[in-house]
Amino acid sequence: MAAVREKAAHGAVAQAYWIKAALAATAGGAPPGPVAAFEQPATVDQAGEVAWLRQVARAYRKSSTAQAQSLLTTAEEAA
């Protein structure tokens, strides 16, 4: 989680990187890890939640597998 925060200051980008890294780790046979606690904006309605999820999806599409692998490597080194 700390590695994700260092690589991406924006909350939606950090969440997108974490999702991609988690999927890559799972595909590589890694055992399940702890749940990530992400700070995200408090929304008061569905429109706000949809806007947040669109930001995460946009960041996810822009992230690469290499970025996710870099996060996994950093996390493994920190452990």
PDB file of N, CA and C in Angstrom:
ATOM      1  N   MET A   1       0.819  -1.187   0.000  1.00  0.00           N
ATOM      2  CA  MET A   1       0.000   0.000   0.000  1.00  0.00           C
ATOM      3  C   MET A   1       0.865   1.254   0.000  1.00  0.00           C
ATOM      4  N   ALA A   2       1.916   1.266   0.792  1.00  0.00           N
ATOM      5  CA  ALA A   2       2.809   2.434   0.824  1.00  0.00           C
ATOM      6  C   ALA A   2       3.441   2.651  -0.542  1.00  0.00           C
ATOM      7  N   ALA A   3       3.809   1.562  -1.212  1.00  0.00           N
ATOM      8  CA  ALA A   3       4.410   1.673  -2.544  1.00  0.00           C
ATOM      9  C   ALA A   3       3.430   2.291  -3.528  1.00  0.00           C
ATOM     10  N   VAL A   4       2.173   1.924  -3.422  1.00  0.00           N
ATOM     11  CA  VAL A   4       1.154   2.487  -4.305  1.00  0.00           C
ATOM     12  C   VAL A   4       1.033   3.982  -4.062  1.00  0.00           C
ATOM     13  N   ARG A   5       0.987   4.371  -2.799  1.00  0.00           N
ATOM     14  CA  ARG A   5       0.851   5.794  -2.480  1.00  0.00           C
ATOM     15  C   ARG A   5       2.049   6.596  -2.967  1.00  0.00           C
ATOM     16  N   GLU A   6       3.240   6.018  -2.894  1.00  0.00           N
ATOM     17  CA  GLU A   6       4.427   6.720  -3.375  1.00  0.00           C
ATOM     18  C   GLU A   6       4.395   6.893  -4.883  1.00  0.00           C
ATOM     19  N   LYS A   7       3.896   5.904  -5.601  1.00  0.00           N
ATOM     20  CA  LYS A   7       3.875   5.954  -7.062  1.00  0.00           C
ATOM     21  C   LYS A   7       2.753   6.835  -7.596  1.00  0.00           C
ATOM     22  N   ALA A   8       1.677   6.972  -6.851  1.00  0.00           N
ATOM     23  CA  ALA A   8       0.518   7.702  -7.356  1.00  0.00           C
ATOM     24  C   ALA A   8      -0.097   8.543  -6.258  1.00  0.00           C
ATOM     25  N   ALA A   9       0.017   9.837  -6.406  1.00  0.00           N
ATOM     26  CA  ALA A   9      -0.500  10.731  -5.380  1.00  0.00           C
ATOM     27  C   ALA A   9      -2.023  10.831  -5.425  1.00  0.00           C
ATOM     28  N   HIS A  10      -2.601  10.720  -6.582  1.00  0.00           N
ATOM     29  CA  HIS A  10      -4.047  10.868  -6.731  1.00  0.00           C
ATOM     30  C   HIS A  10      -4.747   9.591  -6.309  1.00  0.00           C
ATOM     31  N   GLY A  11      -5.776   9.704  -5.518  1.00  0.00           N
ATOM     32  CA  GLY A  11      -6.480   8.546  -4.978  1.00  0.00           C
ATOM     33  C   GLY A  11      -6.999   7.579  -6.020  1.00  0.00           C
ATOM     34  N   ALA A  12      -7.587   8.091  -7.102  1.00  0.00           N
ATOM     35  CA  ALA A  12      -8.124   7.212  -8.135  1.00  0.00           C
ATOM     36  C   ALA A  12      -7.007   6.460  -8.834  1.00  0.00           C
ATOM     37  N   VAL A  13      -5.878   7.115  -9.062  1.00  0.00           N
ATOM     38  CA  VAL A  13      -4.738   6.462  -9.704  1.00  0.00           C
ATOM     39  C   VAL A  13      -4.178   5.376  -8.783  1.00  0.00           C
ATOM     40  N   ALA A  14      -4.042   5.683  -7.509  1.00  0.00           N
ATOM     41  CA  ALA A  14      -3.539   4.695  -6.556  1.00  0.00           C
ATOM     42  C   ALA A  14      -4.454   3.478  -6.505  1.00  0.00           C
ATOM     43  N   GLN A  15      -5.746   3.708  -6.494  1.00  0.00           N
ATOM     44  CA  GLN A  15      -6.679   2.585  -6.450  1.00  0.00           C
ATOM     45  C   GLN A  15      -6.592   1.761  -7.731  1.00  0.00           C
ATOM     46  N   ALA A  16      -6.463   2.408  -8.864  1.00  0.00           N
ATOM     47  CA  ALA A  16      -6.341   1.685 -10.132  1.00  0.00           C
ATOM     48  C   ALA A  16      -5.068   0.847 -10.165  1.00  0.00           C
ATOM     49  N   TYR A  17      -3.953   1.418  -9.717  1.00  0.00           N
ATOM     50  CA  TYR A  17      -2.698   0.668  -9.675  1.00  0.00           C
ATOM     51  C   TYR A  17      -2.831  -0.536  -8.752  1.00  0.00           C
ATOM     52  N   TRP A  18      -3.462  -0.342  -7.600  1.00  0.00           N
ATOM     53  CA  TRP A  18      -3.622  -1.434  -6.647  1.00  0.00           C
ATOM     54  C   TRP A  18      -4.444  -2.560  -7.256  1.00  0.00           C
ATOM     55  N   ILE A  19      -5.510  -2.229  -7.966  1.00  0.00           N
ATOM     56  CA  ILE A  19      -6.349  -3.236  -8.608  1.00  0.00           C
ATOM     57  C   ILE A  19      -5.532  -4.014  -9.632  1.00  0.00           C
ATOM     58  N   LYS A  20      -4.795  -3.292 -10.478  1.00  0.00           N
ATOM     59  CA  LYS A  20      -4.007  -3.957 -11.512  1.00  0.00           C
ATOM     60  C   LYS A  20      -2.921  -4.831 -10.884  1.00  0.00           C
ATOM     61  N   ALA A  21      -2.268  -4.335  -9.841  1.00  0.00           N
ATOM     62  CA  ALA A  21      -1.229  -5.116  -9.169  1.00  0.00           C
ATOM     63  C   ALA A  21      -1.818  -6.349  -8.496  1.00  0.00           C
ATOM     64  N   ALA A  22      -2.988  -6.209  -7.885  1.00  0.00           N
ATOM     65  CA  ALA A  22      -3.635  -7.348  -7.236  1.00  0.00           C
ATOM     66  C   ALA A  22      -4.018  -8.416  -8.257  1.00  0.00           C
ATOM     67  N   LEU A  23      -4.532  -7.998  -9.406  1.00  0.00           N
ATOM     68  CA  LEU A  23      -4.874  -8.954 -10.456  1.00  0.00           C
ATOM     69  C   LEU A  23      -3.629  -9.654 -10.993  1.00  0.00           C
ATOM     70  N   ALA A  24      -2.536  -8.904 -11.159  1.00  0.00           N
ATOM     71  CA  ALA A  24      -1.282  -9.500 -11.637  1.00  0.00           C
ATOM     72  C   ALA A  24      -0.732 -10.488 -10.614  1.00  0.00           C
ATOM     73  N   ALA A  25      -0.799 -10.135  -9.344  1.00  0.00           N
ATOM     74  CA  ALA A  25      -0.305 -11.034  -8.297  1.00  0.00           C
ATOM     75  C   ALA A  25      -1.124 -12.315  -8.255  1.00  0.00           C
ATOM     76  N   THR A  26      -2.424 -12.180  -8.354  1.00  0.00           N
ATOM     77  CA  THR A  26      -3.298 -13.353  -8.342  1.00  0.00           C
ATOM     78  C   THR A  26      -3.019 -14.243  -9.552  1.00  0.00           C
ATOM     79  N   ALA A  27      -2.862 -13.626 -10.717  1.00  0.00           N
ATOM     80  CA  ALA A  27      -2.572 -14.389 -11.938  1.00  0.00           C
ATOM     81  C   ALA A  27      -1.232 -15.108 -11.821  1.00  0.00           C
ATOM     82  N   GLY A  28      -0.306 -14.525 -11.050  1.00  0.00           N
ATOM     83  CA  GLY A  28       0.998 -15.137 -10.854  1.00  0.00           C
ATOM     84  C   GLY A  28       1.028 -16.181  -9.758  1.00  0.00           C
ATOM     85  N   GLY A  29      -0.118 -16.441  -9.129  1.00  0.00           N
ATOM     86  CA  GLY A  29      -0.195 -17.482  -8.116  1.00  0.00           C
ATOM     87  C   GLY A  29       0.083 -17.019  -6.694  1.00  0.00           C
ATOM     88  N   ALA A  30       0.152 -15.726  -6.467  1.00  0.00           N
ATOM     89  CA  ALA A  30       0.404 -15.221  -5.116  1.00  0.00           C
ATOM     90  C   ALA A  30      -0.809 -15.498  -4.221  1.00  0.00           C
ATOM     91  N   PRO A  31      -0.564 -15.800  -2.952  1.00  0.00           N
ATOM     92  CA  PRO A  31      -1.689 -16.007  -2.039  1.00  0.00           C
ATOM     93  C   PRO A  31      -2.394 -14.673  -1.772  1.00  0.00           C
ATOM     94  N   PRO A  32      -3.659 -14.720  -1.386  1.00  0.00           N
ATOM     95  CA  PRO A  32      -4.374 -13.480  -1.092  1.00  0.00           C
ATOM     96  C   PRO A  32      -3.679 -12.678   0.003  1.00  0.00           C
ATOM     97  N   GLY A  33      -3.663 -11.388  -0.163  1.00  0.00           N
ATOM     98  CA  GLY A  33      -3.060 -10.497   0.826  1.00  0.00           C
ATOM     99  C   GLY A  33      -4.133  -9.716   1.562  1.00  0.00           C
ATOM    100  N   PRO A  34      -3.699  -8.755   2.363  1.00  0.00           N
ATOM    101  CA  PRO A  34      -4.672  -7.958   3.120  1.00  0.00           C
ATOM    102  C   PRO A  34      -5.472  -7.029   2.203  1.00  0.00           C
ATOM    103  N   VAL A  35      -6.614  -6.648   2.673  1.00  0.00           N
ATOM    104  CA  VAL A  35      -7.469  -5.712   1.942  1.00  0.00           C
ATOM    105  C   VAL A  35      -6.833  -4.335   2.006  1.00  0.00           C
ATOM    106  N   ALA A  36      -6.846  -3.627   0.900  1.00  0.00           N
ATOM    107  CA  ALA A  36      -6.290  -2.270   0.853  1.00  0.00           C
ATOM    108  C   ALA A  36      -7.338  -1.279   1.338  1.00  0.00           C
ATOM    109  N   ALA A  37      -6.927  -0.392   2.202  1.00  0.00           N
ATOM    110  CA  ALA A  37      -7.824   0.660   2.684  1.00  0.00           C
ATOM    111  C   ALA A  37      -7.526   1.930   1.902  1.00  0.00           C
ATOM    112  N   PHE A  38      -8.401   2.271   0.990  1.00  0.00           N
ATOM    113  CA  PHE A  38      -8.200   3.453   0.166  1.00  0.00           C
ATOM    114  C   PHE A  38      -9.046   4.602   0.661  1.00  0.00           C
ATOM    115  N   GLU A  39      -8.431   5.754   0.672  1.00  0.00           N
ATOM    116  CA  GLU A  39      -9.190   6.959   0.958  1.00  0.00           C
ATOM    117  C   GLU A  39      -9.857   7.356  -0.350  1.00  0.00           C
ATOM    118  N   GLN A  40     -11.130   7.545  -0.282  1.00  0.00           N
ATOM    119  CA  GLN A  40     -11.844   8.011  -1.454  1.00  0.00           C
ATOM    120  C   GLN A  40     -12.854   9.049  -1.022  1.00  0.00           C
ATOM    121  N   PRO A  41     -13.214   9.899  -1.956  1.00  0.00           N
ATOM    122  CA  PRO A  41     -14.114  10.976  -1.579  1.00  0.00           C
ATOM    123  C   PRO A  41     -15.460  10.442  -1.087  1.00  0.00           C
ATOM    124  N   ALA A  42     -15.956  11.069  -0.058  1.00  0.00           N
ATOM    125  CA  ALA A  42     -17.278  10.706   0.429  1.00  0.00           C
ATOM    126  C   ALA A  42     -18.307  11.252  -0.560  1.00  0.00           C
ATOM    127  N   THR A  43     -19.153  10.389  -1.024  1.00  0.00           N
ATOM    128  CA  THR A  43     -20.178  10.823  -1.965  1.00  0.00           C
ATOM    129  C   THR A  43     -21.529  10.816  -1.271  1.00  0.00           C
ATOM    130  N   VAL A  44     -22.375  11.700  -1.723  1.00  0.00           N
ATOM    131  CA  VAL A  44     -23.700  11.801  -1.111  1.00  0.00           C
ATOM    132  C   VAL A  44     -24.785  11.199  -1.992  1.00  0.00           C
ATOM    133  N   ASP A  45     -24.401  10.830  -3.212  1.00  0.00           N
ATOM    134  CA  ASP A  45     -25.397  10.259  -4.107  1.00  0.00           C
ATOM    135  C   ASP A  45     -24.731   9.346  -5.138  1.00  0.00           C
ATOM    136  N   GLN A  46     -25.558   8.708  -5.905  1.00  0.00           N
ATOM    137  CA  GLN A  46     -25.060   7.771  -6.910  1.00  0.00           C
ATOM    138  C   GLN A  46     -24.225   8.481  -7.971  1.00  0.00           C
ATOM    139  N   ALA A  47     -24.570   9.689  -8.323  1.00  0.00           N
ATOM    140  CA  ALA A  47     -23.812  10.430  -9.331  1.00  0.00           C
ATOM    141  C   ALA A  47     -22.370  10.642  -8.882  1.00  0.00           C
ATOM    142  N   GLY A  48     -22.172  10.937  -7.612  1.00  0.00           N
ATOM    143  CA  GLY A  48     -20.826  11.109  -7.081  1.00  0.00           C
ATOM    144  C   GLY A  48     -20.041   9.815  -7.094  1.00  0.00           C
ATOM    145  N   GLU A  49     -20.687   8.721  -6.755  1.00  0.00           N
ATOM    146  CA  GLU A  49     -20.031   7.411  -6.772  1.00  0.00           C
ATOM    147  C   GLU A  49     -19.647   7.025  -8.197  1.00  0.00           C
ATOM    148  N   VAL A  50     -20.549   7.260  -9.144  1.00  0.00           N
ATOM    149  CA  VAL A  50     -20.262   6.955 -10.545  1.00  0.00           C
ATOM    150  C   VAL A  50     -19.083   7.785 -11.039  1.00  0.00           C
ATOM    151  N   ALA A  51     -19.036   9.054 -10.677  1.00  0.00           N
ATOM    152  CA  ALA A  51     -17.923   9.912 -11.090  1.00  0.00           C
ATOM    153  C   ALA A  51     -16.601   9.373 -10.553  1.00  0.00           C
ATOM    154  N   TRP A  52     -16.594   8.950  -9.283  1.00  0.00           N
ATOM    155  CA  TRP A  52     -15.381   8.385  -8.688  1.00  0.00           C
ATOM    156  C   TRP A  52     -14.961   7.105  -9.423  1.00  0.00           C
ATOM    157  N   LEU A  53     -15.893   6.215  -9.662  1.00  0.00           N
ATOM    158  CA  LEU A  53     -15.575   4.958 -10.334  1.00  0.00           C
ATOM    159  C   LEU A  53     -15.076   5.196 -11.763  1.00  0.00           C
ATOM    160  N   ARG A  54     -15.599   6.214 -12.415  1.00  0.00           N
ATOM    161  CA  ARG A  54     -15.101   6.549 -13.762  1.00  0.00           C
ATOM    162  C   ARG A  54     -13.652   7.033 -13.698  1.00  0.00           C
ATOM    163  N   GLN A  55     -13.313   7.785 -12.663  1.00  0.00           N
ATOM    164  CA  GLN A  55     -11.925   8.226 -12.502  1.00  0.00           C
ATOM    165  C   GLN A  55     -11.004   7.022 -12.314  1.00  0.00           C
ATOM    166  N   VAL A  56     -11.426   6.082 -11.484  1.00  0.00           N
ATOM    167  CA  VAL A  56     -10.625   4.879 -11.249  1.00  0.00           C
ATOM    168  C   VAL A  56     -10.498   4.083 -12.547  1.00  0.00           C
ATOM    169  N   ALA A  57     -11.593   3.914 -13.270  1.00  0.00           N
ATOM    170  CA  ALA A  57     -11.563   3.155 -14.524  1.00  0.00           C
ATOM    171  C   ALA A  57     -10.649   3.825 -15.546  1.00  0.00           C
ATOM    172  N   ARG A  58     -10.705   5.144 -15.646  1.00  0.00           N
ATOM    173  CA  ARG A  58      -9.844   5.874 -16.583  1.00  0.00           C
ATOM    174  C   ARG A  58      -8.375   5.670 -16.223  1.00  0.00           C
ATOM    175  N   ALA A  59      -8.059   5.762 -14.942  1.00  0.00           N
ATOM    176  CA  ALA A  59      -6.680   5.560 -14.486  1.00  0.00           C
ATOM    177  C   ALA A  59      -6.251   4.115 -14.721  1.00  0.00           C
ATOM    178  N   TYR A  60      -7.148   3.172 -14.532  1.00  0.00           N
ATOM    179  CA  TYR A  60      -6.838   1.759 -14.751  1.00  0.00           C
ATOM    180  C   TYR A  60      -6.474   1.517 -16.218  1.00  0.00           C
ATOM    181  N   ARG A  61      -7.270   2.082 -17.122  1.00  0.00           N
ATOM    182  CA  ARG A  61      -6.996   1.904 -18.551  1.00  0.00           C
ATOM    183  C   ARG A  61      -5.655   2.501 -18.949  1.00  0.00           C
ATOM    184  N   LYS A  62      -5.247   3.584 -18.286  1.00  0.00           N
ATOM    185  CA  LYS A  62      -3.986   4.247 -18.609  1.00  0.00           C
ATOM    186  C   LYS A  62      -2.778   3.562 -17.969  1.00  0.00           C
ATOM    187  N   SER A  63      -3.007   2.737 -16.950  1.00  0.00           N
ATOM    188  CA  SER A  63      -1.892   2.073 -16.269  1.00  0.00           C
ATOM    189  C   SER A  63      -1.452   0.857 -17.080  1.00  0.00           C
ATOM    190  N   SER A  64      -0.206   0.505 -16.902  1.00  0.00           N
ATOM    191  CA  SER A  64       0.342  -0.627 -17.655  1.00  0.00           C
ATOM    192  C   SER A  64       0.651  -1.797 -16.723  1.00  0.00           C
ATOM    193  N   THR A  65       0.819  -2.945 -17.319  1.00  0.00           N
ATOM    194  CA  THR A  65       1.203  -4.122 -16.549  1.00  0.00           C
ATOM    195  C   THR A  65       2.582  -3.906 -15.928  1.00  0.00           C
ATOM    196  N   ALA A  66       3.455  -3.206 -16.642  1.00  0.00           N
ATOM    197  CA  ALA A  66       4.795  -2.926 -16.109  1.00  0.00           C
ATOM    198  C   ALA A  66       4.709  -2.072 -14.842  1.00  0.00           C
ATOM    199  N   GLN A  67       3.799  -1.107 -14.807  1.00  0.00           N
ATOM    200  CA  GLN A  67       3.622  -0.294 -13.604  1.00  0.00           C
ATOM    201  C   GLN A  67       3.138  -1.158 -12.449  1.00  0.00           C
ATOM    202  N   ALA A  68       2.221  -2.058 -12.722  1.00  0.00           N
ATOM    203  CA  ALA A  68       1.715  -2.945 -11.676  1.00  0.00           C
ATOM    204  C   ALA A  68       2.823  -3.856 -11.175  1.00  0.00           C
ATOM    205  N   GLN A  69       3.611  -4.385 -12.088  1.00  0.00           N
ATOM    206  CA  GLN A  69       4.711  -5.266 -11.685  1.00  0.00           C
ATOM    207  C   GLN A  69       5.728  -4.499 -10.848  1.00  0.00           C
ATOM    208  N   SER A  70       5.977  -3.251 -11.193  1.00  0.00           N
ATOM    209  CA  SER A  70       6.889  -2.418 -10.410  1.00  0.00           C
ATOM    210  C   SER A  70       6.383  -2.259  -8.982  1.00  0.00           C
ATOM    211  N   LEU A  71       5.081  -2.080  -8.818  1.00  0.00           N
ATOM    212  CA  LEU A  71       4.499  -1.965  -7.477  1.00  0.00           C
ATOM    213  C   LEU A  71       4.650  -3.264  -6.706  1.00  0.00           C
ATOM    214  N   LEU A  72       4.418  -4.390  -7.379  1.00  0.00           N
ATOM    215  CA  LEU A  72       4.554  -5.676  -6.704  1.00  0.00           C
ATOM    216  C   LEU A  72       5.994  -5.903  -6.263  1.00  0.00           C
ATOM    217  N   THR A  73       6.948  -5.554  -7.113  1.00  0.00           N
ATOM    218  CA  THR A  73       8.362  -5.712  -6.769  1.00  0.00           C
ATOM    219  C   THR A  73       8.726  -4.835  -5.580  1.00  0.00           C
ATOM    220  N   THR A  74       8.258  -3.580  -5.606  1.00  0.00           N
ATOM    221  CA  THR A  74       8.522  -2.661  -4.492  1.00  0.00           C
ATOM    222  C   THR A  74       7.918  -3.181  -3.204  1.00  0.00           C
ATOM    223  N   ALA A  75       6.687  -3.707  -3.288  1.00  0.00           N
ATOM    224  CA  ALA A  75       6.027  -4.237  -2.089  1.00  0.00           C
ATOM    225  C   ALA A  75       6.756  -5.455  -1.551  1.00  0.00           C
ATOM    226  N   GLU A  76       7.231  -6.319  -2.445  1.00  0.00           N
ATOM    227  CA  GLU A  76       7.977  -7.510  -1.994  1.00  0.00           C
ATOM    228  C   GLU A  76       9.283  -7.124  -1.324  1.00  0.00           C
ATOM    229  N   GLU A  77       9.961  -6.110  -1.857  1.00  0.00           N
ATOM    230  CA  GLU A  77      11.228  -5.660  -1.271  1.00  0.00           C
ATOM    231  C   GLU A  77      11.007  -5.032   0.102  1.00  0.00           C
ATOM    232  N   ALA A  78       9.870  -4.370   0.280  1.00  0.00           N
ATOM    233  CA  ALA A  78       9.573  -3.712   1.543  1.00  0.00           C
ATOM    234  C   ALA A  78       9.161  -4.712   2.625  1.00  0.00           C
ATOM    235  N   ALA A  79       8.675  -5.871   2.200  1.00  0.00           N
ATOM    236  CA  ALA A  79       8.191  -6.876   3.171  1.00  0.00           C
ATOM    237  C   ALA A  79       9.306  -7.608   3.868  1.00  0.00           C
TER     238      ALA A  79
END
